[in-house]
Amino acid sequence: MIASYTVNALDQRMGKRNARHQSRYVYAGFNQLLAEYTDGQWTSYVYSGSEPIALVRNNQLYYLHGDHLGRPQLVTNAGQQVVWKAANRAFDR
């Protein structure tokens, strides 16, 4: 699938478009993603310092569980059920 990206002067991704979806991104400071808007739906991110710890989508709170590098590995809902899991491979993600 081919995608096109829009970046700003700080080299932050501001938009992404492909045949199925269009997204817009909102940042705080240099590199902290605050929110994204995709297909009419907002997702907001919650941080503790510089570490993302949660996201809010459709008025539902989801918790981010990161690895030692701060990359999200799991997303769980309020019922502690896994709703997303990273697809990790030996030398890539």
Protein backbone atom coordinates (compact mmCIF):
# COMPACT_ATOMS: atom_id res chain seq x y z
CA MET A 1 0.00 0.00 0.00
CA ILE A 2 1.40 3.39 -0.98
CA ALA A 3 1.23 6.23 1.54
CA SER A 4 2.14 9.90 1.35
CA TYR A 5 3.37 11.91 4.32
CA THR A 6 3.38 15.59 5.23
CA VAL A 7 6.11 16.86 7.56
CA ASN A 8 6.74 20.25 9.17
CA ALA A 9 9.96 22.26 9.52
CA LEU A 10 10.92 20.19 12.61
CA ASP A 11 10.64 17.00 10.52
CA GLN A 12 7.59 15.87 12.50
CA ARG A 13 4.97 13.85 10.67
CA MET A 14 1.92 16.10 10.41
CA GLY A 15 -0.16 13.97 8.06
CA LYS A 16 -0.41 10.56 6.47
CA ARG A 17 -2.67 9.50 3.61
CA ASN A 18 -3.16 6.20 1.82
CA ALA A 19 -5.96 4.67 -0.22
CA ARG A 20 -8.00 3.82 2.89
CA HIS A 21 -7.16 6.34 5.62
CA GLN A 22 -6.09 9.90 6.29
CA SER A 23 -4.44 10.98 9.56
CA ARG A 24 -3.34 14.27 11.13
CA TYR A 25 -0.96 14.58 14.10
CA VAL A 26 -0.62 17.18 16.88
CA TYR A 27 2.63 17.58 18.85
CA ALA A 28 3.77 19.33 22.03
CA GLY A 29 7.30 20.58 21.86
CA PHE A 30 9.81 18.83 19.68
CA ASN A 31 8.87 15.18 19.79
CA GLN A 32 5.82 14.46 21.97
CA LEU A 33 2.73 13.28 20.10
CA LEU A 34 -0.35 14.71 21.86
CA ALA A 35 -3.10 13.52 19.54
CA GLU A 36 -3.95 12.07 16.17
CA TYR A 37 -7.07 12.42 14.08
CA THR A 38 -7.82 9.49 11.77
CA ASP A 39 -11.02 8.94 9.81
CA GLY A 40 -13.04 11.31 12.01
CA GLN A 41 -11.79 9.89 15.30
CA TRP A 42 -9.43 11.55 17.83
CA THR A 43 -6.86 9.64 19.87
CA SER A 44 -5.18 11.58 22.70
CA TYR A 45 -2.00 10.46 24.48
CA VAL A 46 -1.18 10.76 28.20
CA TYR A 47 2.44 11.06 29.38
CA SER A 48 4.38 10.73 32.61
CA GLY A 49 7.35 12.94 31.85
CA SER A 50 8.39 11.85 28.37
CA GLU A 51 6.99 8.31 28.67
CA PRO A 52 3.60 7.59 27.05
CA ILE A 53 1.45 5.75 29.62
CA ALA A 54 -2.10 5.85 28.25
CA LEU A 55 -4.33 6.86 25.39
CA VAL A 56 -7.95 7.96 25.16
CA ARG A 57 -10.08 6.94 22.18
CA ASN A 58 -13.89 7.14 21.99
CA ASN A 59 -13.94 8.27 25.66
CA GLN A 60 -12.27 4.98 26.64
CA LEU A 61 -8.97 4.92 28.55
CA TYR A 62 -6.32 2.43 27.45
CA TYR A 63 -3.00 1.77 29.22
CA LEU A 64 0.33 1.53 27.40
CA HIS A 65 2.93 -0.97 28.63
CA GLY A 66 6.38 -0.25 27.24
CA ASP A 67 9.68 -2.08 26.92
CA HIS A 68 13.05 -0.92 28.27
CA LEU A 69 13.35 1.48 25.31
CA GLY A 70 9.96 3.08 25.98
CA ARG A 71 8.31 1.49 22.94
CA PRO A 72 4.75 0.27 23.55
CA GLN A 73 4.56 -3.53 23.82
CA LEU A 74 0.98 -3.94 25.03
CA VAL A 75 -2.18 -1.88 25.23
CA THR A 76 -4.76 -2.91 27.82
CA ASN A 77 -8.25 -1.67 28.58
CA ALA A 78 -9.81 -0.84 31.97
CA GLY A 79 -10.63 -4.54 32.41
CA GLN A 80 -6.92 -5.40 32.03
CA GLN A 81 -7.57 -7.21 28.75
CA VAL A 82 -4.91 -6.97 26.03
CA VAL A 83 -6.36 -5.05 23.07
CA TRP A 84 -3.09 -4.69 21.12
CA LYS A 85 0.29 -6.42 21.19
CA ALA A 86 3.46 -5.43 19.33
CA ALA A 87 4.61 -7.79 16.60
CA ASN A 88 8.27 -8.19 17.53
CA ARG A 89 10.80 -10.03 15.39
CA ALA A 90 14.48 -10.80 15.94
CA PHE A 91 15.90 -7.68 14.28
CA ASP A 92 12.86 -5.54 13.62
CA ARG A 93 9.49 -4.67 14.92
